[in-house]
Amino acid sequence: PDDGLVTVGGETLWDARHGKKPKETKHLRTVRG
């Protein structure tokens, strides 16, 4: 996403608020699972 916040099960999947460019991390892959 270009902007906004996405959570799954209460955990952050993407945090692109305020134009912040999110990056793929180990945490993201865990939530994605």
PDB file of all heavy atoms in Angstrom:
ATOM      1  N   PRO A   1       0.820  -1.211   0.000  1.00  0.00           N
ATOM      2  CA  PRO A   1       0.000   0.000   0.000  1.00  0.00           C
ATOM      3  C   PRO A   1       0.853   1.261   0.000  1.00  0.00           C
ATOM      4  O   PRO A   1       1.984   1.268   0.486  1.00  0.00           O
ATOM      5  CB  PRO A   1      -0.810  -0.123   1.296  1.00  0.00           C
ATOM      6  CG  PRO A   1      -0.004  -1.021   2.176  1.00  0.00           C
ATOM      7  CD  PRO A   1       0.712  -1.966   1.270  1.00  0.00           C
ATOM      8  N   ASP A   2       0.284   2.341  -0.550  1.00  0.00           N
ATOM      9  CA  ASP A   2       0.968   3.634  -0.566  1.00  0.00           C
ATOM     10  C   ASP A   2       0.732   4.413   0.723  1.00  0.00           C
ATOM     11  O   ASP A   2       1.520   5.281   1.084  1.00  0.00           O
ATOM     12  CB  ASP A   2       0.479   4.482  -1.751  1.00  0.00           C
ATOM     13  CG  ASP A   2       0.750   3.814  -3.090  1.00  0.00           C
ATOM     14  OD1 ASP A   2       1.801   3.161  -3.220  1.00  0.00           O
ATOM     15  OD2 ASP A   2      -0.100   3.944  -3.997  1.00  0.00           O
ATOM     16  N   ASP A   3      -0.373   4.117   1.391  1.00  0.00           N
ATOM     17  CA  ASP A   3      -0.704   4.831   2.623  1.00  0.00           C
ATOM     18  C   ASP A   3      -1.637   3.957   3.442  1.00  0.00           C
ATOM     19  O   ASP A   3      -2.292   3.048   2.917  1.00  0.00           O
ATOM     20  CB  ASP A   3      -1.382   6.173   2.299  1.00  0.00           C
ATOM     21  CG  ASP A   3      -1.340   7.142   3.481  1.00  0.00           C
ATOM     22  OD1 ASP A   3      -0.747   6.796   4.528  1.00  0.00           O
ATOM     23  OD2 ASP A   3      -1.904   8.249   3.361  1.00  0.00           O
ATOM     24  N   GLY A   4      -1.667   4.213   4.745  1.00  0.00           N
ATOM     25  CA  GLY A   4      -2.598   3.512   5.610  1.00  0.00           C
ATOM     26  C   GLY A   4      -1.969   2.392   6.415  1.00  0.00           C
ATOM     27  O   GLY A   4      -0.769   2.110   6.306  1.00  0.00           O
ATOM     28  N   LEU A   5      -2.800   1.748   7.209  1.00  0.00           N
ATOM     29  CA  LEU A   5      -2.389   0.689   8.125  1.00  0.00           C
ATOM     30  C   LEU A   5      -3.242  -0.546   7.882  1.00  0.00           C
ATOM     31  O   LEU A   5      -4.461  -0.453   7.779  1.00  0.00           O
ATOM     32  CB  LEU A   5      -2.556   1.155   9.574  1.00  0.00           C
ATOM     33  CG  LEU A   5      -2.240   0.151  10.685  1.00  0.00           C
ATOM     34  CD1 LEU A   5      -0.742  -0.142  10.738  1.00  0.00           C
ATOM     35  CD2 LEU A   5      -2.726   0.690  12.033  1.00  0.00           C
ATOM     36  N   VAL A   6      -2.588  -1.710   7.803  1.00  0.00           N
ATOM     37  CA  VAL A   6      -3.287  -2.990   7.655  1.00  0.00           C
ATOM     38  C   VAL A   6      -2.838  -3.897   8.788  1.00  0.00           C
ATOM     39  O   VAL A   6      -1.631  -4.109   8.983  1.00  0.00           O
ATOM     40  CB  VAL A   6      -2.978  -3.660   6.303  1.00  0.00           C
ATOM     41  CG1 VAL A   6      -3.769  -4.969   6.163  1.00  0.00           C
ATOM     42  CG2 VAL A   6      -3.291  -2.730   5.133  1.00  0.00           C
ATOM     43  N   THR A   7      -3.798  -4.440   9.527  1.00  0.00           N
ATOM     44  CA  THR A   7      -3.465  -5.393  10.582  1.00  0.00           C
ATOM     45  C   THR A   7      -4.224  -6.699  10.356  1.00  0.00           C
ATOM     46  O   THR A   7      -5.324  -6.710   9.812  1.00  0.00           O
ATOM     47  CB  THR A   7      -3.805  -4.849  11.986  1.00  0.00           C
ATOM     48  OG1 THR A   7      -5.214  -4.625  12.078  1.00  0.00           O
ATOM     49  CG2 THR A   7      -3.072  -3.556  12.264  1.00  0.00           C
ATOM     50  N   VAL A   8      -3.594  -7.792  10.778  1.00  0.00           N
ATOM     51  CA  VAL A   8      -4.202  -9.124  10.723  1.00  0.00           C
ATOM     52  C   VAL A   8      -4.033  -9.758  12.097  1.00  0.00           C
ATOM     53  O   VAL A   8      -2.915  -9.869  12.597  1.00  0.00           O
ATOM     54  CB  VAL A   8      -3.542 -10.005   9.646  1.00  0.00           C
ATOM     55  CG1 VAL A   8      -4.123 -11.422   9.686  1.00  0.00           C
ATOM     56  CG2 VAL A   8      -3.730  -9.407   8.258  1.00  0.00           C
ATOM     57  N   GLY A   9      -5.145 -10.136  12.715  1.00  0.00           N
ATOM     58  CA  GLY A   9      -5.071 -10.728  14.045  1.00  0.00           C
ATOM     59  C   GLY A   9      -4.462  -9.799  15.071  1.00  0.00           C
ATOM     60  O   GLY A   9      -3.806 -10.248  16.016  1.00  0.00           O
ATOM     61  N   GLY A  10      -4.668  -8.494  14.888  1.00  0.00           N
ATOM     62  CA  GLY A  10      -4.152  -7.511  15.832  1.00  0.00           C
ATOM     63  C   GLY A  10      -2.690  -7.148  15.632  1.00  0.00           C
ATOM     64  O   GLY A  10      -2.160  -6.309  16.366  1.00  0.00           O
ATOM     65  N   GLU A  11      -2.041  -7.764  14.648  1.00  0.00           N
ATOM     66  CA  GLU A  11      -0.635  -7.467  14.393  1.00  0.00           C
ATOM     67  C   GLU A  11      -0.486  -6.711  13.072  1.00  0.00           C
ATOM     68  O   GLU A  11      -1.209  -6.966  12.109  1.00  0.00           O
ATOM     69  CB  GLU A  11       0.182  -8.760  14.334  1.00  0.00           C
ATOM     70  CG  GLU A  11       0.233  -9.516  15.645  1.00  0.00           C
ATOM     71  CD  GLU A  11       1.230 -10.664  15.579  1.00  0.00           C
ATOM     72  OE1 GLU A  11       2.438 -10.425  15.756  1.00  0.00           O
ATOM     73  OE2 GLU A  11       0.785 -11.807  15.331  1.00  0.00           O
ATOM     74  N   THR A  12       0.460  -5.800  13.037  1.00  0.00           N
ATOM     75  CA  THR A  12       0.660  -4.980  11.860  1.00  0.00           C
ATOM     76  C   THR A  12       1.182  -5.803  10.700  1.00  0.00           C
ATOM     77  O   THR A  12       2.203  -6.492  10.823  1.00  0.00           O
ATOM     78  CB  THR A  12       1.646  -3.835  12.153  1.00  0.00           C
ATOM     79  OG1 THR A  12       1.100  -3.008  13.183  1.00  0.00           O
ATOM     80  CG2 THR A  12       1.896  -2.991  10.915  1.00  0.00           C
ATOM     81  N   LEU A  13       0.480  -5.726   9.579  1.00  0.00           N
ATOM     82  CA  LEU A  13       0.959  -6.334   8.342  1.00  0.00           C
ATOM     83  C   LEU A  13       1.686  -5.283   7.513  1.00  0.00           C
ATOM     84  O   LEU A  13       2.809  -5.488   7.077  1.00  0.00           O
ATOM     85  CB  LEU A  13      -0.212  -6.924   7.549  1.00  0.00           C
ATOM     86  CG  LEU A  13       0.141  -7.630   6.246  1.00  0.00           C
ATOM     87  CD1 LEU A  13       0.898  -8.931   6.515  1.00  0.00           C
ATOM     88  CD2 LEU A  13      -1.118  -7.932   5.425  1.00  0.00           C
ATOM     89  N   TRP A  14       1.020  -4.144   7.277  1.00  0.00           N
ATOM     90  CA  TRP A  14       1.623  -3.009   6.563  1.00  0.00           C
ATOM     91  C   TRP A  14       1.366  -1.737   7.367  1.00  0.00           C
ATOM     92  O   TRP A  14       0.244  -1.517   7.829  1.00  0.00           O
ATOM     93  CB  TRP A  14       0.988  -2.810   5.187  1.00  0.00           C
ATOM     94  CG  TRP A  14       1.213  -3.855   4.153  1.00  0.00           C
ATOM     95  CD1 TRP A  14       0.259  -4.639   3.565  1.00  0.00           C
ATOM     96  CD2 TRP A  14       2.442  -4.222   3.524  1.00  0.00           C
ATOM     97  NE1 TRP A  14       0.816  -5.463   2.627  1.00  0.00           N
ATOM     98  CE2 TRP A  14       2.159  -5.229   2.576  1.00  0.00           C
ATOM     99  CE3 TRP A  14       3.765  -3.787   3.674  1.00  0.00           C
ATOM    100  CZ2 TRP A  14       3.140  -5.807   1.788  1.00  0.00           C
ATOM    101  CZ3 TRP A  14       4.747  -4.360   2.892  1.00  0.00           C
ATOM    102  CH2 TRP A  14       4.434  -5.361   1.962  1.00  0.00           C
ATOM    103  N   ASP A  15       2.391  -0.914   7.494  1.00  0.00           N
ATOM    104  CA  ASP A  15       2.211   0.422   8.063  1.00  0.00           C
ATOM    105  C   ASP A  15       2.802   1.426   7.086  1.00  0.00           C
ATOM    106  O   ASP A  15       4.015   1.619   7.021  1.00  0.00           O
ATOM    107  CB  ASP A  15       2.903   0.528   9.425  1.00  0.00           C
ATOM    108  CG  ASP A  15       2.606   1.856  10.115  1.00  0.00           C
ATOM    109  OD1 ASP A  15       1.971   2.722   9.474  1.00  0.00           O
ATOM    110  OD2 ASP A  15       3.005   2.022  11.283  1.00  0.00           O
ATOM    111  N   ALA A  16       1.932   2.024   6.282  1.00  0.00           N
ATOM    112  CA  ALA A  16       2.382   2.991   5.273  1.00  0.00           C
ATOM    113  C   ALA A  16       1.811   4.372   5.580  1.00  0.00           C
ATOM    114  O   ALA A  16       1.662   5.209   4.691  1.00  0.00           O
ATOM    115  CB  ALA A  16       1.944   2.534   3.881  1.00  0.00           C
ATOM    116  N   ARG A  17       1.483   4.632   6.854  1.00  0.00           N
ATOM    117  CA  ARG A  17       0.908   5.922   7.215  1.00  0.00           C
ATOM    118  C   ARG A  17       1.915   7.049   6.997  1.00  0.00           C
ATOM    119  O   ARG A  17       3.131   6.866   7.128  1.00  0.00           O
ATOM    120  CB  ARG A  17       0.463   5.901   8.686  1.00  0.00           C
ATOM    121  CG  ARG A  17      -0.754   5.014   8.930  1.00  0.00           C
ATOM    122  CD  ARG A  17      -1.070   4.873  10.392  1.00  0.00           C
ATOM    123  NE  ARG A  17      -0.044   4.117  11.101  1.00  0.00           N
ATOM    124  CZ  ARG A  17      -0.129   3.750  12.378  1.00  0.00           C
ATOM    125  NH1 ARG A  17      -1.216   4.069  13.066  1.00  0.00           N
ATOM    126  NH2 ARG A  17       0.842   3.068  12.957  1.00  0.00           N
ATOM    127  N   HIS A  18       1.346   8.197   6.611  1.00  0.00           N
ATOM    128  CA  HIS A  18       2.138   9.414   6.424  1.00  0.00           C
ATOM    129  C   HIS A  18       3.195   9.241   5.342  1.00  0.00           C
ATOM    130  O   HIS A  18       4.292   9.817   5.411  1.00  0.00           O
ATOM    131  CB  HIS A  18       2.810   9.837   7.744  1.00  0.00           C
ATOM    132  CG  HIS A  18       1.886   9.770   8.918  1.00  0.00           C
ATOM    133  ND1 HIS A  18       0.707  10.484   8.987  1.00  0.00           N
ATOM    134  CD2 HIS A  18       1.954   9.035  10.067  1.00  0.00           C
ATOM    135  CE1 HIS A  18       0.090  10.207  10.135  1.00  0.00           C
ATOM    136  NE2 HIS A  18       0.818   9.330  10.797  1.00  0.00           N
ATOM    137  N   GLY A  19       2.848   8.418   4.330  1.00  0.00           N
ATOM    138  CA  GLY A  19       3.767   8.259   3.212  1.00  0.00           C
ATOM    139  C   GLY A  19       4.978   7.405   3.509  1.00  0.00           C
ATOM    140  O   GLY A  19       5.895   7.297   2.696  1.00  0.00           O
ATOM    141  N   LYS A  20       4.993   6.788   4.689  1.00  0.00           N
ATOM    142  CA  LYS A  20       6.105   5.923   5.066  1.00  0.00           C
ATOM    143  C   LYS A  20       6.127   4.687   4.171  1.00  0.00           C
ATOM    144  O   LYS A  20       5.111   4.016   4.003  1.00  0.00           O
ATOM    145  CB  LYS A  20       5.931   5.521   6.533  1.00  0.00           C
ATOM    146  CG  LYS A  20       6.943   4.517   7.062  1.00  0.00           C
ATOM    147  CD  LYS A  20       6.568   4.173   8.506  1.00  0.00           C
ATOM    148  CE  LYS A  20       7.439   3.061   9.051  1.00  0.00           C
ATOM    149  NZ  LYS A  20       7.005   2.666  10.423  1.00  0.00           N
ATOM    150  N   LYS A  21       7.271   4.379   3.566  1.00  0.00           N
ATOM    151  CA  LYS A  21       7.376   3.238   2.659  1.00  0.00           C
ATOM    152  C   LYS A  21       7.633   1.964   3.463  1.00  0.00           C
ATOM    153  O   LYS A  21       8.707   1.788   4.045  1.00  0.00           O
ATOM    154  CB  LYS A  21       8.514   3.469   1.661  1.00  0.00           C
ATOM    155  CG  LYS A  21       8.667   2.378   0.607  1.00  0.00           C
ATOM    156  CD  LYS A  21       7.513   2.373  -0.370  1.00  0.00           C
ATOM    157  CE  LYS A  21       7.760   1.378  -1.504  1.00  0.00           C
ATOM    158  NZ  LYS A  21       6.597   1.309  -2.407  1.00  0.00           N
ATOM    159  N   PRO A  22       6.662   1.063   3.529  1.00  0.00           N
ATOM    160  CA  PRO A  22       6.869  -0.153   4.318  1.00  0.00           C
ATOM    161  C   PRO A  22       7.843  -1.109   3.635  1.00  0.00           C
ATOM    162  O   PRO A  22       7.968  -1.127   2.414  1.00  0.00           O
ATOM    163  CB  PRO A  22       5.473  -0.764   4.404  1.00  0.00           C
ATOM    164  CG  PRO A  22       4.758  -0.251   3.200  1.00  0.00           C
ATOM    165  CD  PRO A  22       5.344   1.097   2.894  1.00  0.00           C
ATOM    166  N   LYS A  23       8.526  -1.888   4.442  1.00  0.00           N
ATOM    167  CA  LYS A  23       9.484  -2.859   3.928  1.00  0.00           C
ATOM    168  C   LYS A  23       9.085  -4.263   4.368  1.00  0.00           C
ATOM    169  O   LYS A  23       8.426  -4.446   5.392  1.00  0.00           O
ATOM    170  CB  LYS A  23      10.893  -2.543   4.448  1.00  0.00           C
ATOM    171  CG  LYS A  23      11.434  -1.192   4.000  1.00  0.00           C
ATOM    172  CD  LYS A  23      12.818  -0.945   4.585  1.00  0.00           C
ATOM    173  CE  LYS A  23      13.365   0.415   4.153  1.00  0.00           C
ATOM    174  NZ  LYS A  23      14.690   0.692   4.751  1.00  0.00           N
ATOM    175  N   GLU A  24       9.497  -5.232   3.578  1.00  0.00           N
ATOM    176  CA  GLU A  24       9.246  -6.618   3.964  1.00  0.00           C
ATOM    177  C   GLU A  24      10.215  -7.010   5.065  1.00  0.00           C
ATOM    178  O   GLU A  24      11.427  -6.817   4.962  1.00  0.00           O
ATOM    179  CB  GLU A  24       9.400  -7.554   2.766  1.00  0.00           C
ATOM    180  CG  GLU A  24       9.125  -9.002   3.145  1.00  0.00           C
ATOM    181  CD  GLU A  24       8.823  -9.884   1.958  1.00  0.00           C
ATOM    182  OE1 GLU A  24       8.309  -9.381   0.944  1.00  0.00           O
ATOM    183  OE2 GLU A  24       9.105 -11.084   2.061  1.00  0.00           O
ATOM    184  N   THR A  25       9.681  -7.550   6.140  1.00  0.00           N
ATOM    185  CA  THR A  25      10.474  -7.950   7.290  1.00  0.00           C
ATOM    186  C   THR A  25      10.089  -9.367   7.711  1.00  0.00           C
ATOM    187  O   THR A  25       9.095  -9.923   7.225  1.00  0.00           O
ATOM    188  CB  THR A  25      10.225  -7.005   8.479  1.00  0.00           C
ATOM    189  OG1 THR A  25       8.833  -7.109   8.853  1.00  0.00           O
ATOM    190  CG2 THR A  25      10.549  -5.548   8.117  1.00  0.00           C
ATOM    191  N   LYS A  26      10.870  -9.911   8.631  1.00  0.00           N
ATOM    192  CA  LYS A  26      10.541 -11.240   9.151  1.00  0.00           C
ATOM    193  C   LYS A  26       9.185 -11.202   9.849  1.00  0.00           C
ATOM    194  O   LYS A  26       8.382 -12.142   9.734  1.00  0.00           O
ATOM    195  CB  LYS A  26      11.624 -11.688  10.132  1.00  0.00           C
ATOM    196  CG  LYS A  26      11.411 -13.094  10.675  1.00  0.00           C
ATOM    197  CD  LYS A  26      12.549 -13.517  11.595  1.00  0.00           C
ATOM    198  CE  LYS A  26      12.319 -14.925  12.129  1.00  0.00           C
ATOM    199  NZ  LYS A  26      13.424 -15.348  13.043  1.00  0.00           N
ATOM    200  N   HIS A  27       8.903 -10.107  10.561  1.00  0.00           N
ATOM    201  CA  HIS A  27       7.613  -9.964  11.236  1.00  0.00           C
ATOM    202  C   HIS A  27       6.480  -9.974  10.222  1.00  0.00           C
ATOM    203  O   HIS A  27       5.445 -10.631  10.422  1.00  0.00           O
ATOM    204  CB  HIS A  27       7.578  -8.664  12.042  1.00  0.00           C
ATOM    205  CG  HIS A  27       6.218  -8.356  12.618  1.00  0.00           C
ATOM    206  ND1 HIS A  27       5.733  -8.982  13.738  1.00  0.00           N
ATOM    207  CD2 HIS A  27       5.240  -7.504  12.209  1.00  0.00           C
ATOM    208  CE1 HIS A  27       4.521  -8.533  14.000  1.00  0.00           C
ATOM    209  NE2 HIS A  27       4.199  -7.626  13.086  1.00  0.00           N
ATOM    210  N   LEU A  28       6.658  -9.250   9.115  1.00  0.00           N
ATOM    211  CA  LEU A  28       5.632  -9.215   8.070  1.00  0.00           C
ATOM    212  C   LEU A  28       5.373 -10.613   7.538  1.00  0.00           C
ATOM    213  O   LEU A  28       4.222 -11.008   7.350  1.00  0.00           O
ATOM    214  CB  LEU A  28       6.071  -8.273   6.947  1.00  0.00           C
ATOM    215  CG  LEU A  28       5.111  -8.094   5.764  1.00  0.00           C
ATOM    216  CD1 LEU A  28       5.214  -6.665   5.223  1.00  0.00           C
ATOM    217  CD2 LEU A  28       5.426  -9.068   4.640  1.00  0.00           C
ATOM    218  N   ARG A  29       6.427 -11.375   7.300  1.00  0.00           N
ATOM    219  CA  ARG A  29       6.243 -12.733   6.781  1.00  0.00           C
ATOM    220  C   ARG A  29       5.524 -13.618   7.794  1.00  0.00           C
ATOM    221  O   ARG A  29       4.745 -14.492   7.427  1.00  0.00           O
ATOM    222  CB  ARG A  29       7.597 -13.326   6.389  1.00  0.00           C
ATOM    223  CG  ARG A  29       8.217 -12.663   5.161  1.00  0.00           C
ATOM    224  CD  ARG A  29       9.417 -13.430   4.646  1.00  0.00           C
ATOM    225  NE  ARG A  29      10.535 -13.402   5.575  1.00  0.00           N
ATOM    226  CZ  ARG A  29      11.464 -12.446   5.606  1.00  0.00           C
ATOM    227  NH1 ARG A  29      11.387 -11.420   4.772  1.00  0.00           N
ATOM    228  NH2 ARG A  29      12.469 -12.502   6.463  1.00  0.00           N
ATOM    229  N   THR A  30       5.778 -13.375   9.092  1.00  0.00           N
ATOM    230  CA  THR A  30       5.101 -14.145  10.131  1.00  0.00           C
ATOM    231  C   THR A  30       3.607 -13.845  10.139  1.00  0.00           C
ATOM    232  O   THR A  30       2.768 -14.752  10.200  1.00  0.00           O
ATOM    233  CB  THR A  30       5.699 -13.827  11.515  1.00  0.00           C
ATOM    234  OG1 THR A  30       7.095 -14.180  11.509  1.00  0.00           O
ATOM    235  CG2 THR A  30       4.992 -14.612  12.611  1.00  0.00           C
ATOM    236  N   VAL A  31       3.250 -12.563  10.075  1.00  0.00           N
ATOM    237  CA  VAL A  31       1.841 -12.178  10.052  1.00  0.00           C
ATOM    238  C   VAL A  31       1.191 -12.685   8.773  1.00  0.00           C
ATOM    239  O   VAL A  31       0.060 -13.177   8.783  1.00  0.00           O
ATOM    240  CB  VAL A  31       1.696 -10.642  10.172  1.00  0.00           C
ATOM    241  CG1 VAL A  31       0.225 -10.240  10.107  1.00  0.00           C
ATOM    242  CG2 VAL A  31       2.323 -10.147  11.469  1.00  0.00           C
ATOM    243  N   ARG A  32       1.908 -12.569   7.653  1.00  0.00           N
ATOM    244  CA  ARG A  32       1.417 -13.063   6.362  1.00  0.00           C
ATOM    245  C   ARG A  32       1.088 -14.557   6.424  1.00  0.00           C
ATOM    246  O   ARG A  32       0.189 -15.037   5.740  1.00  0.00           O
ATOM    247  CB  ARG A  32       2.468 -12.752   5.299  1.00  0.00           C
ATOM    248  CG  ARG A  32       2.514 -13.618   4.070  1.00  0.00           C
ATOM    249  CD  ARG A  32       1.344 -13.382   3.125  1.00  0.00           C
ATOM    250  NE  ARG A  32       1.414 -14.317   2.034  1.00  0.00           N
ATOM    251  CZ  ARG A  32       1.012 -15.576   2.083  1.00  0.00           C
ATOM    252  NH1 ARG A  32       0.499 -16.070   3.191  1.00  0.00           N
ATOM    253  NH2 ARG A  32       1.116 -16.359   1.040  1.00  0.00           N
ATOM    254  N   GLY A  33       1.781 -15.290   7.284  1.00  0.00           N
ATOM    255  CA  GLY A  33       1.544 -16.723   7.415  1.00  0.00           C
ATOM    256  C   GLY A  33       0.158 -17.059   7.946  1.00  0.00           C
ATOM    257  O   GLY A  33      -0.279 -18.213   7.858  1.00  0.00           O
TER     258      GLY A  33
END
